[in-house]
Amino acid sequence: MERAPLNALQVFVIAARAQNMTRAAERLHLTVSALSHQVRLLEQRLGCTLFVRGPRGLKPTPEGAMLLQRIGPHLDAIDAALEPLCSRRDCVLSISALPSLASSWLMPRLPHFVAQHPDFEFNLDSSIARVDFADGRFDGALRYGPGQWEGVNAELLFEEWLTPVASPGLLAARERPRLDQLGEWPLLSPDDPWPRWFELYGGTEPKRYVATFSDSDTLQRATVEGMGVSLGRATLMRPLIESGRLVALFPERMRARYAHYLVYPDRSRQHLGFQAFRDWLHAEATAFRDSGECDATATQGAAPAVVPDTKIRGSKVRAASRKRRA
């Protein structure tokens, strides 16, 4: 009898759990076509179909569900047996960060950390995908959210502030609005907390918004191109304001419900490289808060009118689940 196709079985288990070919391929560092090929080989070997492919992703067939139930625990046991022998070297550090924060805040500061630790190998992954710390790829992650994620440590870096921003080109085409006139302008992204802004500062929310975007980078680009006014995050918009590509319309600002956090699993406490990065990151975040740089209107010489909102605190949440996500 031929040996069991372990590579194909591993591909199958990860794809079945992800229920999405693209996410499974990213985790395995394969192309989607290569992953599909492995699944087809396994289906040919077993003589049955393992997945039903639909618009919402993959769904295991009855045969696929049975195979996952029988094979999955054994592959997990192999991973658990190997984990103590595969601890990451202290000089190799892998961090995940949201692309928007990585480009606007982390990258201008990161060269200083690298210069302080020339023996470190630093790997930065810019992605909006959720991080599964159980697979051992990452030592930590920078995330924007409520600060409570199951099974990980979450430490507050700094809060975020919101204020309407627009391009100079859009402002040149019409008279600059007063606070109570903002609803008459083309506004972007109705999923942002515009209702709370109008509740705090007056004016009437528009009946329709110009456009909706699935990510902050595209929204930012649309604002720069003059499509409309967005409720910009101060940390992300500050470089664009400093360069003159965006203008903060008012000195008023509003605290966001979410904040920026460093997230990491318990195992990273023993990683000397991560601990050095953690200490450096908190020092940079403290300097950033103390300098007032998180105020998007500071570069335009206006004293910000601060409106407090939900108070955000750092937190630590643990769970018994083996999988750890952030």
C-alpha atoms as a PDB file:
ATOM      1  CA  MET A   1       0.000   0.000   0.000  1.00  0.00           C
ATOM      2  CA  GLU A   2       1.252   3.472  -0.836  1.00  0.00           C
ATOM      3  CA  ARG A   3       2.205   5.779   1.960  1.00  0.00           C
ATOM      4  CA  ALA A   4      -0.347   8.348   3.047  1.00  0.00           C
ATOM      5  CA  PRO A   5       0.108  11.682   1.185  1.00  0.00           C
ATOM      6  CA  LEU A   6       0.934  13.780   4.239  1.00  0.00           C
ATOM      7  CA  ASN A   7       1.426  17.041   2.330  1.00  0.00           C
ATOM      8  CA  ALA A   8      -1.936  16.712   0.618  1.00  0.00           C
ATOM      9  CA  LEU A   9      -3.613  15.787   3.911  1.00  0.00           C
ATOM     10  CA  GLN A  10      -2.143  18.864   5.598  1.00  0.00           C
ATOM     11  CA  VAL A  11      -3.400  21.036   2.746  1.00  0.00           C
ATOM     12  CA  PHE A  12      -6.836  19.441   3.016  1.00  0.00           C
ATOM     13  CA  VAL A  13      -7.123  19.971   6.779  1.00  0.00           C
ATOM     14  CA  ILE A  14      -6.105  23.633   6.612  1.00  0.00           C
ATOM     15  CA  ALA A  15      -8.421  24.312   3.666  1.00  0.00           C
ATOM     16  CA  ALA A  16     -11.324  22.530   5.376  1.00  0.00           C
ATOM     17  CA  ARG A  17     -10.869  24.535   8.568  1.00  0.00           C
ATOM     18  CA  ALA A  18     -10.435  27.845   6.755  1.00  0.00           C
ATOM     19  CA  GLN A  19     -13.327  27.073   4.372  1.00  0.00           C
ATOM     20  CA  ASN A  20     -11.567  29.380   1.952  1.00  0.00           C
ATOM     21  CA  MET A  21      -8.890  28.532  -0.611  1.00  0.00           C
ATOM     22  CA  THR A  22      -7.234  31.959  -0.535  1.00  0.00           C
ATOM     23  CA  ARG A  23      -6.808  32.053   3.261  1.00  0.00           C
ATOM     24  CA  ALA A  24      -5.537  28.475   3.300  1.00  0.00           C
ATOM     25  CA  ALA A  25      -3.040  29.232   0.522  1.00  0.00           C
ATOM     26  CA  GLU A  26      -1.741  32.296   2.400  1.00  0.00           C
ATOM     27  CA  ARG A  27      -1.189  30.269   5.541  1.00  0.00           C
ATOM     28  CA  LEU A  28       0.711  27.566   3.639  1.00  0.00           C
ATOM     29  CA  HIS A  29       2.633  30.075   1.494  1.00  0.00           C
ATOM     30  CA  LEU A  30       1.245  28.447  -1.651  1.00  0.00           C
ATOM     31  CA  THR A  31      -0.586  29.782  -4.658  1.00  0.00           C
ATOM     32  CA  VAL A  32      -4.290  28.967  -4.840  1.00  0.00           C
ATOM     33  CA  SER A  33      -3.669  26.863  -7.943  1.00  0.00           C
ATOM     34  CA  ALA A  34      -0.974  24.821  -6.167  1.00  0.00           C
ATOM     35  CA  LEU A  35      -3.284  24.243  -3.213  1.00  0.00           C
ATOM     36  CA  SER A  36      -6.132  23.205  -5.520  1.00  0.00           C
ATOM     37  CA  HIS A  37      -3.790  20.778  -7.257  1.00  0.00           C
ATOM     38  CA  GLN A  38      -2.953  19.084  -3.942  1.00  0.00           C
ATOM     39  CA  VAL A  39      -6.646  18.750  -3.135  1.00  0.00           C
ATOM     40  CA  ARG A  40      -7.361  17.225  -6.545  1.00  0.00           C
ATOM     41  CA  LEU A  41      -4.537  14.691  -6.084  1.00  0.00           C
ATOM     42  CA  LEU A  42      -5.995  13.665  -2.740  1.00  0.00           C
ATOM     43  CA  GLU A  43      -9.489  13.360  -4.235  1.00  0.00           C
ATOM     44  CA  GLN A  44      -8.097  11.164  -7.024  1.00  0.00           C
ATOM     45  CA  ARG A  45      -6.254   9.037  -4.489  1.00  0.00           C
ATOM     46  CA  LEU A  46      -9.386   8.525  -2.374  1.00  0.00           C
ATOM     47  CA  GLY A  47     -11.821   8.336  -5.278  1.00  0.00           C
ATOM     48  CA  CYS A  48     -14.274  10.858  -3.841  1.00  0.00           C
ATOM     49  CA  THR A  49     -15.007  14.570  -3.789  1.00  0.00           C
ATOM     50  CA  LEU A  50     -13.924  16.331  -0.607  1.00  0.00           C
ATOM     51  CA  PHE A  51     -15.264  19.867  -1.105  1.00  0.00           C
ATOM     52  CA  VAL A  52     -18.255  21.620  -2.563  1.00  0.00           C
ATOM     53  CA  ARG A  53     -17.187  25.013  -3.871  1.00  0.00           C
ATOM     54  CA  GLY A  54     -19.722  27.832  -3.613  1.00  0.00           C
ATOM     55  CA  PRO A  55     -19.857  31.644  -3.653  1.00  0.00           C
ATOM     56  CA  ARG A  56     -19.172  31.764   0.089  1.00  0.00           C
ATOM     57  CA  GLY A  57     -16.163  29.468  -0.035  1.00  0.00           C
ATOM     58  CA  LEU A  58     -15.602  25.786   0.583  1.00  0.00           C
ATOM     59  CA  LYS A  59     -17.865  23.314   2.320  1.00  0.00           C
ATOM     60  CA  PRO A  60     -16.680  19.772   3.042  1.00  0.00           C
ATOM     61  CA  THR A  61     -18.752  16.973   1.534  1.00  0.00           C
ATOM     62  CA  PRO A  62     -19.844  14.173   3.922  1.00  0.00           C
ATOM     63  CA  GLU A  63     -16.679  12.288   2.909  1.00  0.00           C
ATOM     64  CA  GLY A  64     -14.604  15.431   3.485  1.00  0.00           C
ATOM     65  CA  ALA A  65     -16.141  16.014   6.906  1.00  0.00           C
ATOM     66  CA  MET A  66     -15.393  12.416   7.911  1.00  0.00           C
ATOM     67  CA  LEU A  67     -11.791  12.707   6.710  1.00  0.00           C
ATOM     68  CA  LEU A  68     -11.301  15.965   8.621  1.00  0.00           C
ATOM     69  CA  GLN A  69     -12.685  14.379  11.795  1.00  0.00           C
ATOM     70  CA  ARG A  70     -10.329  11.414  11.506  1.00  0.00           C
ATOM     71  CA  ILE A  71      -7.158  13.127  10.245  1.00  0.00           C
ATOM     72  CA  GLY A  72      -7.272  16.600  11.846  1.00  0.00           C
ATOM     73  CA  PRO A  73      -6.541  15.530  15.455  1.00  0.00           C
ATOM     74  CA  HIS A  74      -3.540  13.447  14.346  1.00  0.00           C
ATOM     75  CA  LEU A  75      -1.963  16.346  12.449  1.00  0.00           C
ATOM     76  CA  ASP A  76      -2.588  18.580  15.470  1.00  0.00           C
ATOM     77  CA  ALA A  77      -0.815  16.011  17.648  1.00  0.00           C
ATOM     78  CA  ILE A  78       2.203  16.057  15.315  1.00  0.00           C
ATOM     79  CA  ASP A  79       2.340  19.865  15.497  1.00  0.00           C
ATOM     80  CA  ALA A  80       2.116  19.757  19.292  1.00  0.00           C
ATOM     81  CA  ALA A  81       4.915  17.175  19.490  1.00  0.00           C
ATOM     82  CA  LEU A  82       7.208  19.268  17.296  1.00  0.00           C
ATOM     83  CA  GLU A  83       6.470  22.643  18.887  1.00  0.00           C
ATOM     84  CA  PRO A  84       8.974  22.355  21.792  1.00  0.00           C
ATOM     85  CA  LEU A  85      11.718  21.546  19.276  1.00  0.00           C
ATOM     86  CA  CYS A  86      10.900  24.462  16.966  1.00  0.00           C
ATOM     87  CA  SER A  87      11.068  27.476  19.251  1.00  0.00           C
ATOM     88  CA  ARG A  88      11.933  30.644  17.392  1.00  0.00           C
ATOM     89  CA  ARG A  89      15.444  32.008  17.744  1.00  0.00           C
ATOM     90  CA  ASP A  90      15.617  35.137  19.886  1.00  0.00           C
ATOM     91  CA  CYS A  91      17.333  37.075  17.090  1.00  0.00           C
ATOM     92  CA  VAL A  92      14.485  36.419  14.617  1.00  0.00           C
ATOM     93  CA  LEU A  93      11.432  38.617  15.158  1.00  0.00           C
ATOM     94  CA  SER A  94       8.204  38.478  13.128  1.00  0.00           C
ATOM     95  CA  ILE A  95       5.494  41.112  13.591  1.00  0.00           C
ATOM     96  CA  SER A  96       2.182  41.638  11.803  1.00  0.00           C
ATOM     97  CA  ALA A  97       0.774  45.161  11.397  1.00  0.00           C
ATOM     98  CA  LEU A  98      -2.159  46.714   9.608  1.00  0.00           C
ATOM     99  CA  PRO A  99      -0.915  48.302   6.345  1.00  0.00           C
ATOM    100  CA  SER A 100      -2.320  51.718   7.250  1.00  0.00           C
ATOM    101  CA  LEU A 101      -0.515  51.904  10.612  1.00  0.00           C
ATOM    102  CA  ALA A 102       2.634  50.268   9.248  1.00  0.00           C
ATOM    103  CA  SER A 103       3.098  52.907   6.544  1.00  0.00           C
ATOM    104  CA  SER A 104       1.985  56.003   8.457  1.00  0.00           C
ATOM    105  CA  TRP A 105       3.345  55.380  11.968  1.00  0.00           C
ATOM    106  CA  LEU A 106       5.582  52.323  12.319  1.00  0.00           C
ATOM    107  CA  MET A 107       7.843  52.608   9.271  1.00  0.00           C
ATOM    108  CA  PRO A 108       9.128  56.149  10.027  1.00  0.00           C
ATOM    109  CA  ARG A 109      10.276  54.862  13.437  1.00  0.00           C
ATOM    110  CA  LEU A 110      11.335  51.298  12.679  1.00  0.00           C
ATOM    111  CA  PRO A 111      14.819  52.155  11.292  1.00  0.00           C
ATOM    112  CA  HIS A 112      15.796  53.353  14.766  1.00  0.00           C
ATOM    113  CA  PHE A 113      14.901  49.977  16.283  1.00  0.00           C
ATOM    114  CA  VAL A 114      16.789  48.108  13.566  1.00  0.00           C
ATOM    115  CA  ALA A 115      19.838  50.347  14.096  1.00  0.00           C
ATOM    116  CA  GLN A 116      19.747  49.655  17.845  1.00  0.00           C
ATOM    117  CA  HIS A 117      19.626  45.884  17.242  1.00  0.00           C
ATOM    118  CA  PRO A 118      21.815  45.111  14.223  1.00  0.00           C
ATOM    119  CA  ASP A 119      21.907  41.399  15.070  1.00  0.00           C
ATOM    120  CA  PHE A 120      18.121  41.018  14.799  1.00  0.00           C
ATOM    121  CA  GLU A 121      16.361  39.677  11.733  1.00  0.00           C
ATOM    122  CA  PHE A 122      13.128  41.680  11.619  1.00  0.00           C
ATOM    123  CA  ASN A 123      10.193  40.430   9.533  1.00  0.00           C
ATOM    124  CA  LEU A 124       7.187  42.717   9.051  1.00  0.00           C
ATOM    125  CA  ASP A 125       3.966  41.418   7.519  1.00  0.00           C
ATOM    126  CA  SER A 126       1.510  44.157   6.475  1.00  0.00           C
ATOM    127  CA  SER A 127      -1.918  42.590   6.362  1.00  0.00           C
ATOM    128  CA  ILE A 128      -5.508  43.093   7.523  1.00  0.00           C
ATOM    129  CA  ALA A 129      -5.931  39.325   7.974  1.00  0.00           C
ATOM    130  CA  ARG A 130      -6.475  37.968  11.461  1.00  0.00           C
ATOM    131  CA  VAL A 131      -3.350  36.505  13.033  1.00  0.00           C
ATOM    132  CA  ASP A 132      -3.426  32.900  14.223  1.00  0.00           C
ATOM    133  CA  PHE A 133      -0.646  32.772  16.818  1.00  0.00           C
ATOM    134  CA  ALA A 134      -1.082  29.005  17.117  1.00  0.00           C
ATOM    135  CA  ASP A 135       0.794  28.427  13.861  1.00  0.00           C
ATOM    136  CA  GLY A 136       3.937  30.074  15.289  1.00  0.00           C
ATOM    137  CA  ARG A 137       4.511  32.460  12.393  1.00  0.00           C
ATOM    138  CA  PHE A 138       4.257  35.677  14.388  1.00  0.00           C
ATOM    139  CA  ASP A 139       5.561  36.847  17.738  1.00  0.00           C
ATOM    140  CA  GLY A 140       3.197  39.799  17.968  1.00  0.00           C
ATOM    141  CA  ALA A 141       0.843  42.066  16.058  1.00  0.00           C
ATOM    142  CA  LEU A 142      -0.186  45.713  15.962  1.00  0.00           C
ATOM    143  CA  ARG A 143      -3.949  45.938  15.769  1.00  0.00           C
ATOM    144  CA  TYR A 144      -6.695  48.575  15.866  1.00  0.00           C
ATOM    145  CA  GLY A 145      -9.696  47.459  17.837  1.00  0.00           C
ATOM    146  CA  PRO A 146     -11.500  47.217  21.196  1.00  0.00           C
ATOM    147  CA  GLY A 147      -8.498  45.754  23.039  1.00  0.00           C
ATOM    148  CA  GLN A 148     -10.105  42.457  23.980  1.00  0.00           C
ATOM    149  CA  TRP A 149      -9.186  39.410  21.893  1.00  0.00           C
ATOM    150  CA  GLU A 150      -9.559  35.843  23.035  1.00  0.00           C
ATOM    151  CA  GLY A 151      -6.500  34.063  24.347  1.00  0.00           C
ATOM    152  CA  VAL A 152      -3.896  36.816  23.868  1.00  0.00           C
ATOM    153  CA  ASN A 153      -2.322  39.722  25.719  1.00  0.00           C
ATOM    154  CA  ALA A 154      -3.382  43.180  24.470  1.00  0.00           C
ATOM    155  CA  GLU A 155      -1.472  46.279  25.587  1.00  0.00           C
ATOM    156  CA  LEU A 156      -2.641  49.803  24.749  1.00  0.00           C
ATOM    157  CA  LEU A 157      -0.237  51.841  22.635  1.00  0.00           C
ATOM    158  CA  PHE A 158      -2.274  54.981  22.003  1.00  0.00           C
ATOM    159  CA  GLU A 159      -5.826  56.096  21.401  1.00  0.00           C
ATOM    160  CA  GLU A 160      -7.129  57.323  18.074  1.00  0.00           C
ATOM    161  CA  TRP A 161      -8.879  60.602  17.240  1.00  0.00           C
ATOM    162  CA  LEU A 162     -11.243  61.405  14.390  1.00  0.00           C
ATOM    163  CA  THR A 163     -11.738  64.657  12.477  1.00  0.00           C
ATOM    164  CA  PRO A 164     -13.137  65.534   9.025  1.00  0.00           C
ATOM    165  CA  VAL A 165     -10.475  65.930   6.345  1.00  0.00           C
ATOM    166  CA  ALA A 166     -10.607  66.917   2.681  1.00  0.00           C
ATOM    167  CA  SER A 167      -8.247  67.584  -0.200  1.00  0.00           C
ATOM    168  CA  PRO A 168      -7.130  71.151  -1.050  1.00  0.00           C
ATOM    169  CA  GLY A 169      -8.686  70.669  -4.486  1.00  0.00           C
ATOM    170  CA  LEU A 170     -12.114  69.969  -3.019  1.00  0.00           C
ATOM    171  CA  LEU A 171     -11.825  73.016  -0.744  1.00  0.00           C
ATOM    172  CA  ALA A 172     -10.800  75.229  -3.654  1.00  0.00           C
ATOM    173  CA  ALA A 173     -14.026  74.448  -5.474  1.00  0.00           C
ATOM    174  CA  ARG A 174     -16.326  75.802  -2.758  1.00  0.00           C
ATOM    175  CA  GLU A 175     -16.367  77.896   0.382  1.00  0.00           C
ATOM    176  CA  ARG A 176     -15.001  76.176   3.469  1.00  0.00           C
ATOM    177  CA  PRO A 177     -17.900  74.863   5.571  1.00  0.00           C
ATOM    178  CA  ARG A 178     -18.923  75.726   9.083  1.00  0.00           C
ATOM    179  CA  LEU A 179     -19.533  72.865  11.490  1.00  0.00           C
ATOM    180  CA  ASP A 180     -23.280  72.971  10.949  1.00  0.00           C
ATOM    181  CA  GLN A 181     -22.836  72.953   7.147  1.00  0.00           C
ATOM    182  CA  LEU A 182     -20.771  69.783   6.904  1.00  0.00           C
ATOM    183  CA  GLY A 183     -23.782  67.627   6.010  1.00  0.00           C
ATOM    184  CA  GLU A 184     -24.167  69.634   2.798  1.00  0.00           C
ATOM    185  CA  TRP A 185     -20.768  68.441   1.548  1.00  0.00           C
ATOM    186  CA  PRO A 186     -19.993  65.128  -0.205  1.00  0.00           C
ATOM    187  CA  LEU A 187     -19.218  62.763   2.652  1.00  0.00           C
ATOM    188  CA  LEU A 188     -17.522  59.371   2.361  1.00  0.00           C
ATOM    189  CA  SER A 189     -17.950  56.062   4.161  1.00  0.00           C
ATOM    190  CA  PRO A 190     -21.335  55.894   5.948  1.00  0.00           C
ATOM    191  CA  ASP A 191     -19.993  53.028   8.093  1.00  0.00           C
ATOM    192  CA  ASP A 192     -17.808  55.523   9.952  1.00  0.00           C
ATOM    193  CA  PRO A 193     -19.274  57.175  13.100  1.00  0.00           C
ATOM    194  CA  TRP A 194     -20.684  60.203  11.271  1.00  0.00           C
ATOM    195  CA  PRO A 195     -23.963  60.128  13.275  1.00  0.00           C
ATOM    196  CA  ARG A 196     -21.984  60.560  16.486  1.00  0.00           C
ATOM    197  CA  TRP A 197     -20.054  63.464  14.945  1.00  0.00           C
ATOM    198  CA  PHE A 198     -23.258  65.303  13.999  1.00  0.00           C
ATOM    199  CA  GLU A 199     -24.721  64.559  17.415  1.00  0.00           C
ATOM    200  CA  LEU A 200     -21.705  66.132  19.102  1.00  0.00           C
ATOM    201  CA  TYR A 201     -21.152  69.114  16.823  1.00  0.00           C
ATOM    202  CA  GLY A 202     -24.489  69.838  15.194  1.00  0.00           C
ATOM    203  CA  GLY A 203     -25.597  69.894  11.601  1.00  0.00           C
ATOM    204  CA  THR A 204     -27.678  67.398   9.702  1.00  0.00           C
ATOM    205  CA  GLU A 205     -26.433  64.052   8.460  1.00  0.00           C
ATOM    206  CA  PRO A 206     -26.833  63.710   4.672  1.00  0.00           C
ATOM    207  CA  LYS A 207     -29.510  61.427   3.247  1.00  0.00           C
ATOM    208  CA  ARG A 208     -26.863  59.671   1.169  1.00  0.00           C
ATOM    209  CA  TYR A 209     -23.098  59.333   1.171  1.00  0.00           C
ATOM    210  CA  VAL A 210     -20.971  59.563  -1.964  1.00  0.00           C
ATOM    211  CA  ALA A 211     -19.196  56.212  -1.628  1.00  0.00           C
ATOM    212  CA  THR A 212     -18.412  53.279   0.653  1.00  0.00           C
ATOM    213  CA  PHE A 213     -15.018  51.554   0.883  1.00  0.00           C
ATOM    214  CA  SER A 214     -13.950  48.209   2.307  1.00  0.00           C
ATOM    215  CA  ASP A 215     -10.610  49.377   3.734  1.00  0.00           C
ATOM    216  CA  SER A 216      -9.025  52.529   5.150  1.00  0.00           C
ATOM    217  CA  ASP A 217      -6.290  52.744   2.498  1.00  0.00           C
ATOM    218  CA  THR A 218      -8.819  53.064  -0.338  1.00  0.00           C
ATOM    219  CA  LEU A 219     -10.871  55.572   1.669  1.00  0.00           C
ATOM    220  CA  GLN A 220      -7.736  57.620   2.277  1.00  0.00           C
ATOM    221  CA  ARG A 221      -6.852  57.608  -1.420  1.00  0.00           C
ATOM    222  CA  ALA A 222     -10.387  58.672  -2.372  1.00  0.00           C
ATOM    223  CA  THR A 223     -10.139  61.587   0.063  1.00  0.00           C
ATOM    224  CA  VAL A 224      -6.791  62.700  -1.336  1.00  0.00           C
ATOM    225  CA  GLU A 225      -8.196  62.577  -4.872  1.00  0.00           C
ATOM    226  CA  GLY A 226     -11.018  64.932  -3.878  1.00  0.00           C
ATOM    227  CA  MET A 227     -13.936  62.521  -3.998  1.00  0.00           C
ATOM    228  CA  GLY A 228     -15.293  63.832  -0.730  1.00  0.00           C
ATOM    229  CA  VAL A 229     -14.793  64.448   2.992  1.00  0.00           C
ATOM    230  CA  SER A 230     -13.824  61.542   5.228  1.00  0.00           C
ATOM    231  CA  LEU A 231     -13.775  61.177   8.999  1.00  0.00           C
ATOM    232  CA  GLY A 232     -10.039  60.645   9.164  1.00  0.00           C
ATOM    233  CA  ARG A 233      -8.000  58.947  11.849  1.00  0.00           C
ATOM    234  CA  ALA A 234      -5.451  61.436  13.133  1.00  0.00           C
ATOM    235  CA  THR A 235      -2.567  58.951  13.226  1.00  0.00           C
ATOM    236  CA  LEU A 236      -3.060  57.927   9.604  1.00  0.00           C
ATOM    237  CA  MET A 237      -3.889  61.376   8.229  1.00  0.00           C
ATOM    238  CA  ARG A 238      -1.140  63.385   9.906  1.00  0.00           C
ATOM    239  CA  PRO A 239       1.559  62.665   7.259  1.00  0.00           C
ATOM    240  CA  LEU A 240      -0.872  63.692   4.525  1.00  0.00           C
ATOM    241  CA  ILE A 241      -1.798  66.873   6.386  1.00  0.00           C
ATOM    242  CA  GLU A 242       1.864  67.734   6.925  1.00  0.00           C
ATOM    243  CA  SER A 243       2.584  67.238   3.224  1.00  0.00           C
ATOM    244  CA  GLY A 244      -0.362  69.426   2.223  1.00  0.00           C
ATOM    245  CA  ARG A 245      -2.285  66.652   0.514  1.00  0.00           C
ATOM    246  CA  LEU A 246      -5.134  66.835   3.047  1.00  0.00           C
ATOM    247  CA  VAL A 247      -6.603  69.567   5.231  1.00  0.00           C
ATOM    248  CA  ALA A 248      -8.341  69.164   8.596  1.00  0.00           C
ATOM    249  CA  LEU A 249     -11.568  71.154   8.228  1.00  0.00           C
ATOM    250  CA  PHE A 250     -12.054  71.991  11.904  1.00  0.00           C
ATOM    251  CA  PRO A 251     -10.061  72.091  15.154  1.00  0.00           C
ATOM    252  CA  GLU A 252     -12.721  69.863  16.736  1.00  0.00           C
ATOM    253  CA  ARG A 253     -11.975  66.178  17.029  1.00  0.00           C
ATOM    254  CA  MET A 254     -13.622  63.100  18.514  1.00  0.00           C
ATOM    255  CA  ARG A 255     -12.104  60.136  20.322  1.00  0.00           C
ATOM    256  CA  ALA A 256     -12.560  56.917  18.358  1.00  0.00           C
ATOM    257  CA  ARG A 257     -14.192  53.918  19.994  1.00  0.00           C
ATOM    258  CA  TYR A 258     -11.166  51.791  19.084  1.00  0.00           C
ATOM    259  CA  ALA A 259      -7.466  52.260  19.809  1.00  0.00           C
ATOM    260  CA  HIS A 260      -4.087  50.840  18.742  1.00  0.00           C
ATOM    261  CA  TYR A 261      -2.746  47.806  20.617  1.00  0.00           C
ATOM    262  CA  LEU A 262       0.233  45.504  20.736  1.00  0.00           C
ATOM    263  CA  VAL A 263      -1.128  41.953  20.772  1.00  0.00           C
ATOM    264  CA  TYR A 264       0.912  38.835  21.525  1.00  0.00           C
ATOM    265  CA  PRO A 265       0.643  35.254  22.854  1.00  0.00           C
ATOM    266  CA  ASP A 266       2.078  34.141  26.191  1.00  0.00           C
ATOM    267  CA  ARG A 267       4.976  32.328  24.509  1.00  0.00           C
ATOM    268  CA  SER A 268       6.394  35.673  23.300  1.00  0.00           C
ATOM    269  CA  ARG A 269       7.161  36.617  26.904  1.00  0.00           C
ATOM    270  CA  GLN A 270      10.137  34.238  26.652  1.00  0.00           C
ATOM    271  CA  HIS A 271      11.333  35.668  23.332  1.00  0.00           C
ATOM    272  CA  LEU A 272      14.182  38.127  24.001  1.00  0.00           C
ATOM    273  CA  GLY A 273      13.851  39.769  20.603  1.00  0.00           C
ATOM    274  CA  PHE A 274      10.154  40.387  21.087  1.00  0.00           C
ATOM    275  CA  GLN A 275      10.693  41.781  24.573  1.00  0.00           C
ATOM    276  CA  ALA A 276      13.217  44.257  23.166  1.00  0.00           C
ATOM    277  CA  PHE A 277      10.717  45.270  20.478  1.00  0.00           C
ATOM    278  CA  ARG A 278       7.900  45.546  23.028  1.00  0.00           C
ATOM    279  CA  ASP A 279       9.939  47.862  25.284  1.00  0.00           C
ATOM    280  CA  TRP A 280      10.987  50.009  22.319  1.00  0.00           C
ATOM    281  CA  LEU A 281       7.444  50.162  20.944  1.00  0.00           C
ATOM    282  CA  HIS A 282       5.950  51.307  24.240  1.00  0.00           C
ATOM    283  CA  ALA A 283       8.648  53.987  24.550  1.00  0.00           C
ATOM    284  CA  GLU A 284       7.821  55.230  21.042  1.00  0.00           C
ATOM    285  CA  ALA A 285       4.084  55.189  21.781  1.00  0.00           C
ATOM    286  CA  THR A 286       4.609  57.148  25.002  1.00  0.00           C
ATOM    287  CA  ALA A 287       6.711  59.758  23.190  1.00  0.00           C
ATOM    288  CA  PHE A 288       4.041  59.965  20.491  1.00  0.00           C
ATOM    289  CA  ARG A 289       1.289  60.585  23.044  1.00  0.00           C
ATOM    290  CA  ASP A 290       3.331  63.092  25.041  1.00  0.00           C
ATOM    291  CA  SER A 291       4.334  65.080  21.954  1.00  0.00           C
ATOM    292  CA  GLY A 292       0.738  65.660  20.905  1.00  0.00           C
ATOM    293  CA  GLU A 293       1.479  64.261  17.443  1.00  0.00           C
ATOM    294  CA  CYS A 294      -1.714  62.219  17.564  1.00  0.00           C
ATOM    295  CA  ASP A 295      -3.625  65.494  17.109  1.00  0.00           C
ATOM    296  CA  ALA A 296      -4.426  65.752  13.403  1.00  0.00           C
ATOM    297  CA  THR A 297      -4.981  69.526  13.598  1.00  0.00           C
ATOM    298  CA  ALA A 298      -1.741  70.406  15.381  1.00  0.00           C
ATOM    299  CA  THR A 299       0.171  71.091  12.185  1.00  0.00           C
ATOM    300  CA  GLN A 300      -2.348  73.730  11.190  1.00  0.00           C
ATOM    301  CA  GLY A 301      -1.927  75.717  14.373  1.00  0.00           C
ATOM    302  CA  ALA A 302      -5.402  75.165  15.788  1.00  0.00           C
ATOM    303  CA  ALA A 303      -6.006  74.198  19.389  1.00  0.00           C
ATOM    304  CA  PRO A 304      -8.131  71.059  19.234  1.00  0.00           C
ATOM    305  CA  ALA A 305     -11.522  70.917  20.865  1.00  0.00           C
ATOM    306  CA  VAL A 306     -11.490  67.507  22.481  1.00  0.00           C
ATOM    307  CA  VAL A 307     -14.705  65.579  22.961  1.00  0.00           C
ATOM    308  CA  PRO A 308     -14.237  62.454  25.094  1.00  0.00           C
ATOM    309  CA  ASP A 309     -15.979  59.253  24.190  1.00  0.00           C
ATOM    310  CA  THR A 310     -15.856  55.679  25.415  1.00  0.00           C
ATOM    311  CA  LYS A 311     -12.831  55.281  27.672  1.00  0.00           C
ATOM    312  CA  ILE A 312     -10.408  52.717  26.317  1.00  0.00           C
ATOM    313  CA  ARG A 313      -8.118  50.666  28.489  1.00  0.00           C
ATOM    314  CA  GLY A 314      -5.510  48.016  27.873  1.00  0.00           C
ATOM    315  CA  SER A 315      -6.593  44.518  28.747  1.00  0.00           C
ATOM    316  CA  LYS A 316      -5.437  40.976  29.048  1.00  0.00           C
ATOM    317  CA  VAL A 317      -7.816  38.178  28.140  1.00  0.00           C
ATOM    318  CA  ARG A 318      -6.984  34.495  28.278  1.00  0.00           C
ATOM    319  CA  ALA A 319      -8.978  31.480  27.162  1.00  0.00           C
ATOM    320  CA  ALA A 320      -8.492  27.737  27.279  1.00  0.00           C
ATOM    321  CA  SER A 321      -8.775  27.475  23.517  1.00  0.00           C
ATOM    322  CA  ARG A 322      -5.594  26.281  21.834  1.00  0.00           C
ATOM    323  CA  LYS A 323      -6.129  28.598  18.877  1.00  0.00           C
ATOM    324  CA  ARG A 324      -5.134  32.166  19.580  1.00  0.00           C
ATOM    325  CA  ARG A 325      -6.298  34.879  17.286  1.00  0.00           C
ATOM    326  CA  ALA A 326      -5.947  38.640  17.171  1.00  0.00           C
END
